[in-house]
Amino acid sequence: MGVEQETRDFFIKIANSIAIVLLWMIANVYLGIYFGLGFFDGSPSFKNIIYYIISLLTLYLVIRYLVKKWKT
């Protein structure tokens, strides 16, 4: 494998990582702000709790995927 191919693969890995993180962020901002799930009135409702649990779970999965991807 030549230097150009290694460099290209490295930049593709960077672009894919940025895209995955941005997609996760856009989805969470959309659900949190547009549907109001990120805010609570006085105390959190069941919808807010489910939103934050799913958000943290998907964050864990994204981080786990990125760690595996960058170890190879």
PDB file of N, CA and C in Angstrom:
ATOM      1  N   MET A   1       0.856  -1.174   0.000  1.00  0.00           N
ATOM      2  CA  MET A   1       0.000   0.000   0.000  1.00  0.00           C
ATOM      3  C   MET A   1       0.897   1.230   0.000  1.00  0.00           C
ATOM      4  N   GLY A   2       0.629   2.138  -0.912  1.00  0.00           N
ATOM      5  CA  GLY A   2       1.444   3.333  -1.028  1.00  0.00           C
ATOM      6  C   GLY A   2       1.080   4.385   0.002  1.00  0.00           C
ATOM      7  N   VAL A   3       1.926   5.385   0.050  1.00  0.00           N
ATOM      8  CA  VAL A   3       1.718   6.476   1.007  1.00  0.00           C
ATOM      9  C   VAL A   3       0.424   7.217   0.690  1.00  0.00           C
ATOM     10  N   GLU A   4       0.145   7.401  -0.599  1.00  0.00           N
ATOM     11  CA  GLU A   4      -1.078   8.122  -0.974  1.00  0.00           C
ATOM     12  C   GLU A   4      -2.326   7.368  -0.509  1.00  0.00           C
ATOM     13  N   GLN A   5      -2.323   6.053  -0.653  1.00  0.00           N
ATOM     14  CA  GLN A   5      -3.484   5.253  -0.239  1.00  0.00           C
ATOM     15  C   GLN A   5      -3.660   5.282   1.277  1.00  0.00           C
ATOM     16  N   GLU A   6      -2.555   5.215   2.018  1.00  0.00           N
ATOM     17  CA  GLU A   6      -2.637   5.285   3.485  1.00  0.00           C
ATOM     18  C   GLU A   6      -3.178   6.634   3.929  1.00  0.00           C
ATOM     19  N   THR A   7      -2.709   7.705   3.275  1.00  0.00           N
ATOM     20  CA  THR A   7      -3.186   9.045   3.607  1.00  0.00           C
ATOM     21  C   THR A   7      -4.666   9.180   3.277  1.00  0.00           C
ATOM     22  N   ARG A   8      -5.062   8.650   2.124  1.00  0.00           N
ATOM     23  CA  ARG A   8      -6.472   8.700   1.723  1.00  0.00           C
ATOM     24  C   ARG A   8      -7.342   7.931   2.711  1.00  0.00           C
ATOM     25  N   ASP A   9      -6.920   6.748   3.103  1.00  0.00           N
ATOM     26  CA  ASP A   9      -7.676   5.951   4.074  1.00  0.00           C
ATOM     27  C   ASP A   9      -7.791   6.668   5.413  1.00  0.00           C
ATOM     28  N   PHE A  10      -6.722   7.337   5.832  1.00  0.00           N
ATOM     29  CA  PHE A  10      -6.731   8.084   7.085  1.00  0.00           C
ATOM     30  C   PHE A  10      -7.740   9.228   7.037  1.00  0.00           C
ATOM     31  N   PHE A  11      -7.745   9.982   5.935  1.00  0.00           N
ATOM     32  CA  PHE A  11      -8.686  11.094   5.815  1.00  0.00           C
ATOM     33  C   PHE A  11     -10.128  10.612   5.685  1.00  0.00           C
ATOM     34  N   ILE A  12     -10.330   9.466   5.040  1.00  0.00           N
ATOM     35  CA  ILE A  12     -11.676   8.885   4.974  1.00  0.00           C
ATOM     36  C   ILE A  12     -12.141   8.492   6.371  1.00  0.00           C
ATOM     37  N   LYS A  13     -11.233   7.937   7.167  1.00  0.00           N
ATOM     38  CA  LYS A  13     -11.578   7.563   8.540  1.00  0.00           C
ATOM     39  C   LYS A  13     -11.953   8.807   9.360  1.00  0.00           C
ATOM     40  N   ILE A  14     -11.221   9.895   9.162  1.00  0.00           N
ATOM     41  CA  ILE A  14     -11.528  11.151   9.858  1.00  0.00           C
ATOM     42  C   ILE A  14     -12.892  11.686   9.421  1.00  0.00           C
ATOM     43  N   ALA A  15     -13.134  11.704   8.106  1.00  0.00           N
ATOM     44  CA  ALA A  15     -14.405  12.228   7.587  1.00  0.00           C
ATOM     45  C   ALA A  15     -15.583  11.390   8.069  1.00  0.00           C
ATOM     46  N   ASN A  16     -15.434  10.072   8.071  1.00  0.00           N
ATOM     47  CA  ASN A  16     -16.513   9.209   8.543  1.00  0.00           C
ATOM     48  C   ASN A  16     -16.784   9.414  10.027  1.00  0.00           C
ATOM     49  N   SER A  17     -15.738   9.596  10.812  1.00  0.00           N
ATOM     50  CA  SER A  17     -15.907   9.831  12.251  1.00  0.00           C
ATOM     51  C   SER A  17     -16.635  11.141  12.510  1.00  0.00           C
ATOM     52  N   ILE A  18     -16.249  12.179  11.797  1.00  0.00           N
ATOM     53  CA  ILE A  18     -16.909  13.473  11.954  1.00  0.00           C
ATOM     54  C   ILE A  18     -18.369  13.376  11.535  1.00  0.00           C
ATOM     55  N   ALA A  19     -18.630  12.675  10.432  1.00  0.00           N
ATOM     56  CA  ALA A  19     -20.009  12.538   9.939  1.00  0.00           C
ATOM     57  C   ALA A  19     -20.890  11.800  10.942  1.00  0.00           C
ATOM     58  N   ILE A  20     -20.377  10.743  11.544  1.00  0.00           N
ATOM     59  CA  ILE A  20     -21.169   9.975  12.508  1.00  0.00           C
ATOM     60  C   ILE A  20     -21.482  10.817  13.739  1.00  0.00           C
ATOM     61  N   VAL A  21     -20.486  11.537  14.239  1.00  0.00           N
ATOM     62  CA  VAL A  21     -20.708  12.385  15.417  1.00  0.00           C
ATOM     63  C   VAL A  21     -21.687  13.508  15.094  1.00  0.00           C
ATOM     64  N   LEU A  22     -21.543  14.134  13.928  1.00  0.00           N
ATOM     65  CA  LEU A  22     -22.475  15.199  13.551  1.00  0.00           C
ATOM     66  C   LEU A  22     -23.896  14.670  13.366  1.00  0.00           C
ATOM     67  N   LEU A  23     -24.034  13.505  12.783  1.00  0.00           N
ATOM     68  CA  LEU A  23     -25.360  12.912  12.624  1.00  0.00           C
ATOM     69  C   LEU A  23     -26.003  12.647  13.983  1.00  0.00           C
ATOM     70  N   TRP A  24     -25.221  12.127  14.927  1.00  0.00           N
ATOM     71  CA  TRP A  24     -25.739  11.892  16.278  1.00  0.00           C
ATOM     72  C   TRP A  24     -26.150  13.214  16.931  1.00  0.00           C
ATOM     73  N   MET A  25     -25.318  14.233  16.766  1.00  0.00           N
ATOM     74  CA  MET A  25     -25.623  15.528  17.373  1.00  0.00           C
ATOM     75  C   MET A  25     -26.865  16.168  16.753  1.00  0.00           C
ATOM     76  N   ILE A  26     -26.981  16.107  15.437  1.00  0.00           N
ATOM     77  CA  ILE A  26     -28.141  16.696  14.761  1.00  0.00           C
ATOM     78  C   ILE A  26     -29.423  16.003  15.202  1.00  0.00           C
ATOM     79  N   ALA A  27     -29.390  14.674  15.282  1.00  0.00           N
ATOM     80  CA  ALA A  27     -30.576  13.932  15.714  1.00  0.00           C
ATOM     81  C   ALA A  27     -30.972  14.320  17.134  1.00  0.00           C
ATOM     82  N   ASN A  28     -30.004  14.456  18.029  1.00  0.00           N
ATOM     83  CA  ASN A  28     -30.323  14.810  19.409  1.00  0.00           C
ATOM     84  C   ASN A  28     -30.806  16.245  19.539  1.00  0.00           C
ATOM     85  N   VAL A  29     -30.211  17.154  18.800  1.00  0.00           N
ATOM     86  CA  VAL A  29     -30.672  18.541  18.841  1.00  0.00           C
ATOM     87  C   VAL A  29     -32.084  18.637  18.268  1.00  0.00           C
ATOM     88  N   TYR A  30     -32.337  17.927  17.185  1.00  0.00           N
ATOM     89  CA  TYR A  30     -33.668  17.947  16.568  1.00  0.00           C
ATOM     90  C   TYR A  30     -34.722  17.429  17.537  1.00  0.00           C
ATOM     91  N   LEU A  31     -34.467  16.285  18.123  1.00  0.00           N
ATOM     92  CA  LEU A  31     -35.443  15.720  19.059  1.00  0.00           C
ATOM     93  C   LEU A  31     -35.541  16.545  20.337  1.00  0.00           C
ATOM     94  N   GLY A  32     -34.415  17.024  20.818  1.00  0.00           N
ATOM     95  CA  GLY A  32     -34.411  17.752  22.079  1.00  0.00           C
ATOM     96  C   GLY A  32     -35.046  19.122  22.000  1.00  0.00           C
ATOM     97  N   ILE A  33     -34.793  19.849  20.912  1.00  0.00           N
ATOM     98  CA  ILE A  33     -35.310  21.208  20.808  1.00  0.00           C
ATOM     99  C   ILE A  33     -36.653  21.232  20.069  1.00  0.00           C
ATOM    100  N   TYR A  34     -36.721  20.593  18.901  1.00  0.00           N
ATOM    101  CA  TYR A  34     -37.944  20.672  18.090  1.00  0.00           C
ATOM    102  C   TYR A  34     -39.133  20.028  18.798  1.00  0.00           C
ATOM    103  N   PHE A  35     -38.912  18.873  19.386  1.00  0.00           N
ATOM    104  CA  PHE A  35     -39.999  18.201  20.092  1.00  0.00           C
ATOM    105  C   PHE A  35     -40.040  18.557  21.573  1.00  0.00           C
ATOM    106  N   GLY A  36     -39.077  19.339  22.031  1.00  0.00           N
ATOM    107  CA  GLY A  36     -39.086  19.798  23.420  1.00  0.00           C
ATOM    108  C   GLY A  36     -38.708  18.733  24.435  1.00  0.00           C
ATOM    109  N   LEU A  37     -38.070  17.664  23.997  1.00  0.00           N
ATOM    110  CA  LEU A  37     -37.733  16.588  24.926  1.00  0.00           C
ATOM    111  C   LEU A  37     -36.521  16.918  25.800  1.00  0.00           C
ATOM    112  N   GLY A  38     -35.728  17.881  25.403  1.00  0.00           N
ATOM    113  CA  GLY A  38     -34.551  18.246  26.178  1.00  0.00           C
ATOM    114  C   GLY A  38     -34.853  19.190  27.329  1.00  0.00           C
ATOM    115  N   PHE A  39     -36.039  19.730  27.369  1.00  0.00           N
ATOM    116  CA  PHE A  39     -36.429  20.687  28.403  1.00  0.00           C
ATOM    117  C   PHE A  39     -37.541  20.104  29.251  1.00  0.00           C
ATOM    118  N   PHE A  40     -37.567  20.468  30.530  1.00  0.00           N
ATOM    119  CA  PHE A  40     -38.690  20.054  31.347  1.00  0.00           C
ATOM    120  C   PHE A  40     -39.245  21.227  32.134  1.00  0.00           C
ATOM    121  N   ASP A  41     -40.539  21.131  32.384  1.00  0.00           N
ATOM    122  CA  ASP A  41     -41.251  22.180  33.113  1.00  0.00           C
ATOM    123  C   ASP A  41     -41.310  21.798  34.582  1.00  0.00           C
ATOM    124  N   GLY A  42     -40.390  22.318  35.350  1.00  0.00           N
ATOM    125  CA  GLY A  42     -40.363  22.016  36.783  1.00  0.00           C
ATOM    126  C   GLY A  42     -39.669  20.710  37.080  1.00  0.00           C
ATOM    127  N   SER A  43     -40.266  19.609  36.693  1.00  0.00           N
ATOM    128  CA  SER A  43     -39.653  18.300  36.926  1.00  0.00           C
ATOM    129  C   SER A  43     -39.708  17.503  35.625  1.00  0.00           C
ATOM    130  N   PRO A  44     -38.768  16.588  35.446  1.00  0.00           N
ATOM    131  CA  PRO A  44     -38.742  15.820  34.193  1.00  0.00           C
ATOM    132  C   PRO A  44     -39.934  14.865  34.082  1.00  0.00           C
ATOM    133  N   SER A  45     -40.465  14.772  32.884  1.00  0.00           N
ATOM    134  CA  SER A  45     -41.569  13.843  32.632  1.00  0.00           C
ATOM    135  C   SER A  45     -41.005  12.511  32.133  1.00  0.00           C
ATOM    136  N   PHE A  46     -41.891  11.571  31.902  1.00  0.00           N
ATOM    137  CA  PHE A  46     -41.477  10.252  31.413  1.00  0.00           C
ATOM    138  C   PHE A  46     -40.793  10.363  30.051  1.00  0.00           C
ATOM    139  N   LYS A  47     -41.320  11.244  29.169  1.00  0.00           N
ATOM    140  CA  LYS A  47     -40.731  11.444  27.841  1.00  0.00           C
ATOM    141  C   LYS A  47     -39.308  11.977  27.950  1.00  0.00           C
ATOM    142  N   ASN A  48     -39.083  12.920  28.866  1.00  0.00           N
ATOM    143  CA  ASN A  48     -37.745  13.482  29.048  1.00  0.00           C
ATOM    144  C   ASN A  48     -36.757  12.418  29.510  1.00  0.00           C
ATOM    145  N   ILE A  49     -37.181  11.600  30.444  1.00  0.00           N
ATOM    146  CA  ILE A  49     -36.304  10.559  30.977  1.00  0.00           C
ATOM    147  C   ILE A  49     -35.956   9.554  29.885  1.00  0.00           C
ATOM    148  N   ILE A  50     -36.931   9.133  29.096  1.00  0.00           N
ATOM    149  CA  ILE A  50     -36.688   8.196  27.995  1.00  0.00           C
ATOM    150  C   ILE A  50     -35.741   8.822  26.972  1.00  0.00           C
ATOM    151  N   TYR A  51     -35.965  10.108  26.647  1.00  0.00           N
ATOM    152  CA  TYR A  51     -35.094  10.813  25.695  1.00  0.00           C
ATOM    153  C   TYR A  51     -33.645  10.809  26.177  1.00  0.00           C
ATOM    154  N   TYR A  52     -33.422  11.140  27.432  1.00  0.00           N
ATOM    155  CA  TYR A  52     -32.053  11.194  27.944  1.00  0.00           C
ATOM    156  C   TYR A  52     -31.424   9.808  28.050  1.00  0.00           C
ATOM    157  N   ILE A  53     -32.196   8.805  28.384  1.00  0.00           N
ATOM    158  CA  ILE A  53     -31.661   7.440  28.434  1.00  0.00           C
ATOM    159  C   ILE A  53     -31.236   6.991  27.036  1.00  0.00           C
ATOM    160  N   ILE A  54     -32.105   7.213  26.050  1.00  0.00           N
ATOM    161  CA  ILE A  54     -31.774   6.822  24.681  1.00  0.00           C
ATOM    162  C   ILE A  54     -30.595   7.634  24.156  1.00  0.00           C
ATOM    163  N   SER A  55     -30.557   8.904  24.494  1.00  0.00           N
ATOM    164  CA  SER A  55     -29.454   9.756  24.064  1.00  0.00           C
ATOM    165  C   SER A  55     -28.120   9.267  24.633  1.00  0.00           C
ATOM    166  N   LEU A  56     -28.101   8.932  25.906  1.00  0.00           N
ATOM    167  CA  LEU A  56     -26.867   8.434  26.512  1.00  0.00           C
ATOM    168  C   LEU A  56     -26.486   7.059  25.977  1.00  0.00           C
ATOM    169  N   LEU A  57     -27.479   6.219  25.735  1.00  0.00           N
ATOM    170  CA  LEU A  57     -27.199   4.897  25.176  1.00  0.00           C
ATOM    171  C   LEU A  57     -26.607   5.005  23.775  1.00  0.00           C
ATOM    172  N   THR A  58     -27.182   5.845  22.941  1.00  0.00           N
ATOM    173  CA  THR A  58     -26.645   6.003  21.591  1.00  0.00           C
ATOM    174  C   THR A  58     -25.278   6.688  21.613  1.00  0.00           C
ATOM    175  N   LEU A  59     -25.042   7.593  22.562  1.00  0.00           N
ATOM    176  CA  LEU A  59     -23.711   8.189  22.698  1.00  0.00           C
ATOM    177  C   LEU A  59     -22.682   7.115  23.034  1.00  0.00           C
ATOM    178  N   TYR A  60     -23.039   6.221  23.941  1.00  0.00           N
ATOM    179  CA  TYR A  60     -22.149   5.114  24.284  1.00  0.00           C
ATOM    180  C   TYR A  60     -21.855   4.253  23.059  1.00  0.00           C
ATOM    181  N   LEU A  61     -22.881   3.952  22.270  1.00  0.00           N
ATOM    182  CA  LEU A  61     -22.691   3.131  21.079  1.00  0.00           C
ATOM    183  C   LEU A  61     -21.829   3.834  20.032  1.00  0.00           C
ATOM    184  N   VAL A  62     -22.009   5.133  19.863  1.00  0.00           N
ATOM    185  CA  VAL A  62     -21.192   5.896  18.916  1.00  0.00           C
ATOM    186  C   VAL A  62     -19.733   5.897  19.367  1.00  0.00           C
ATOM    187  N   ILE A  63     -19.499   6.137  20.646  1.00  0.00           N
ATOM    188  CA  ILE A  63     -18.125   6.154  21.154  1.00  0.00           C
ATOM    189  C   ILE A  63     -17.487   4.780  21.019  1.00  0.00           C
ATOM    190  N   ARG A  64     -18.240   3.736  21.329  1.00  0.00           N
ATOM    191  CA  ARG A  64     -17.711   2.369  21.197  1.00  0.00           C
ATOM    192  C   ARG A  64     -17.363   2.053  19.744  1.00  0.00           C
ATOM    193  N   TYR A  65     -18.218   2.467  18.821  1.00  0.00           N
ATOM    194  CA  TYR A  65     -17.950   2.256  17.402  1.00  0.00           C
ATOM    195  C   TYR A  65     -16.683   2.998  16.963  1.00  0.00           C
ATOM    196  N   LEU A  66     -16.551   4.250  17.401  1.00  0.00           N
ATOM    197  CA  LEU A  66     -15.380   5.037  17.002  1.00  0.00           C
ATOM    198  C   LEU A  66     -14.087   4.473  17.588  1.00  0.00           C
ATOM    199  N   VAL A  67     -14.137   4.002  18.815  1.00  0.00           N
ATOM    200  CA  VAL A  67     -12.940   3.417  19.427  1.00  0.00           C
ATOM    201  C   VAL A  67     -12.519   2.171  18.653  1.00  0.00           C
ATOM    202  N   LYS A  68     -13.482   1.325  18.295  1.00  0.00           N
ATOM    203  CA  LYS A  68     -13.158   0.119  17.520  1.00  0.00           C
ATOM    204  C   LYS A  68     -12.617   0.486  16.139  1.00  0.00           C
ATOM    205  N   LYS A  69     -13.215   1.479  15.531  1.00  0.00           N
ATOM    206  CA  LYS A  69     -12.793   1.901  14.190  1.00  0.00           C
ATOM    207  C   LYS A  69     -11.367   2.449  14.201  1.00  0.00           C
ATOM    208  N   TRP A  70     -11.001   3.204  15.228  1.00  0.00           N
ATOM    209  CA  TRP A  70      -9.684   3.822  15.270  1.00  0.00           C
ATOM    210  C   TRP A  70      -8.601   2.869  15.778  1.00  0.00           C
ATOM    211  N   LYS A  71      -8.990   1.756  16.379  1.00  0.00           N
ATOM    212  CA  LYS A  71      -7.983   0.791  16.814  1.00  0.00           C
ATOM    213  C   LYS A  71      -7.430  -0.021  15.654  1.00  0.00           C
ATOM    214  N   THR A  72      -8.181  -0.115  14.552  1.00  0.00           N
ATOM    215  CA  THR A  72      -7.702  -0.900  13.413  1.00  0.00           C
ATOM    216  C   THR A  72      -6.781  -0.113  12.536  1.00  0.00           C
TER     217      THR A  72
END
